[in-house]
Amino acid sequence: MTNKELLYIEDALGHEQYFQAKCNETASKLLDPQLKTCVQQMAQKHQQIFRSFYGLL
């Protein structure tokens, strides 16, 4: 991998961690069970994407 590609993956990892954290933070504040579940699923999806990017390293 080139340096530029590694920097892209590093940036993408940071974004996925941020999105996951924000989803978890938001889910903890939601009262509607369906909406809470939806946002928790989004957090899980961002965790999966993070793992995929991390696996490229």
C-alpha atoms as a PDB file:
ATOM      1  CA  MET A   1       0.000   0.000   0.000  1.00  0.00           C
ATOM      2  CA  THR A   2       1.124   3.507  -0.681  1.00  0.00           C
ATOM      3  CA  ASN A   3       1.471   6.169   1.996  1.00  0.00           C
ATOM      4  CA  LYS A   4      -1.554   7.966   0.580  1.00  0.00           C
ATOM      5  CA  GLU A   5      -3.675   4.814   0.796  1.00  0.00           C
ATOM      6  CA  LEU A   6      -2.573   4.208   4.384  1.00  0.00           C
ATOM      7  CA  LEU A   7      -3.454   7.796   5.291  1.00  0.00           C
ATOM      8  CA  TYR A   8      -6.893   7.321   3.734  1.00  0.00           C
ATOM      9  CA  ILE A   9      -7.482   4.175   5.772  1.00  0.00           C
ATOM     10  CA  GLU A  10      -6.288   5.906   8.944  1.00  0.00           C
ATOM     11  CA  ASP A  11      -8.681   8.780   8.267  1.00  0.00           C
ATOM     12  CA  ALA A  12     -11.528   6.382   7.539  1.00  0.00           C
ATOM     13  CA  LEU A  13     -10.837   4.508  10.790  1.00  0.00           C
ATOM     14  CA  GLY A  14     -11.079   7.753  12.724  1.00  0.00           C
ATOM     15  CA  HIS A  15     -14.344   8.662  11.058  1.00  0.00           C
ATOM     16  CA  GLU A  16     -15.869   5.283  11.783  1.00  0.00           C
ATOM     17  CA  GLN A  17     -14.840   5.499  15.442  1.00  0.00           C
ATOM     18  CA  TYR A  18     -16.375   8.971  15.642  1.00  0.00           C
ATOM     19  CA  PHE A  19     -19.636   7.860  13.997  1.00  0.00           C
ATOM     20  CA  GLN A  20     -19.887   4.846  16.277  1.00  0.00           C
ATOM     21  CA  ALA A  21     -19.300   6.976  19.374  1.00  0.00           C
ATOM     22  CA  LYS A  22     -21.914   9.519  18.299  1.00  0.00           C
ATOM     23  CA  CYS A  23     -24.459   6.789  17.557  1.00  0.00           C
ATOM     24  CA  ASN A  24     -23.869   5.197  20.965  1.00  0.00           C
ATOM     25  CA  GLU A  25     -24.099   8.583  22.672  1.00  0.00           C
ATOM     26  CA  THR A  26     -27.329   9.407  20.851  1.00  0.00           C
ATOM     27  CA  ALA A  27     -28.856   5.977  21.482  1.00  0.00           C
ATOM     28  CA  SER A  28     -28.233   6.361  25.206  1.00  0.00           C
ATOM     29  CA  LYS A  29     -30.358   9.529  25.196  1.00  0.00           C
ATOM     30  CA  LEU A  30     -33.269   8.216  23.142  1.00  0.00           C
ATOM     31  CA  LEU A  31     -36.503   7.150  24.796  1.00  0.00           C
ATOM     32  CA  ASP A  32     -38.309   5.727  21.751  1.00  0.00           C
ATOM     33  CA  PRO A  33     -37.387   2.007  21.684  1.00  0.00           C
ATOM     34  CA  GLN A  34     -37.618   1.648  17.903  1.00  0.00           C
ATOM     35  CA  LEU A  35     -35.476   4.691  17.239  1.00  0.00           C
ATOM     36  CA  LYS A  36     -33.004   3.609  19.913  1.00  0.00           C
ATOM     37  CA  THR A  37     -32.693   0.176  18.291  1.00  0.00           C
ATOM     38  CA  CYS A  38     -32.176   1.756  14.876  1.00  0.00           C
ATOM     39  CA  VAL A  39     -29.379   3.998  16.133  1.00  0.00           C
ATOM     40  CA  GLN A  40     -27.770   1.089  18.001  1.00  0.00           C
ATOM     41  CA  GLN A  41     -27.798  -0.897  14.758  1.00  0.00           C
ATOM     42  CA  MET A  42     -26.110   2.022  13.026  1.00  0.00           C
ATOM     43  CA  ALA A  43     -23.395   1.967  15.712  1.00  0.00           C
ATOM     44  CA  GLN A  44     -22.889  -1.748  15.115  1.00  0.00           C
ATOM     45  CA  LYS A  45     -22.623  -1.154  11.371  1.00  0.00           C
ATOM     46  CA  HIS A  46     -19.939   1.478  11.925  1.00  0.00           C
ATOM     47  CA  GLN A  47     -18.075  -1.007  14.136  1.00  0.00           C
ATOM     48  CA  GLN A  48     -18.217  -3.573  11.308  1.00  0.00           C
ATOM     49  CA  ILE A  49     -16.920  -1.014   8.819  1.00  0.00           C
ATOM     50  CA  PHE A  50     -14.130  -0.102  11.247  1.00  0.00           C
ATOM     51  CA  ARG A  51     -13.125  -3.760  11.499  1.00  0.00           C
ATOM     52  CA  SER A  52     -13.139  -4.087   7.715  1.00  0.00           C
ATOM     53  CA  PHE A  53     -10.863  -1.085   7.291  1.00  0.00           C
ATOM     54  CA  TYR A  54      -8.637  -2.251  10.127  1.00  0.00           C
ATOM     55  CA  GLY A  55      -8.391  -5.657   8.463  1.00  0.00           C
ATOM     56  CA  LEU A  56      -6.819  -3.992   5.438  1.00  0.00           C
ATOM     57  CA  LEU A  57      -3.816  -3.093   7.539  1.00  0.00           C
END
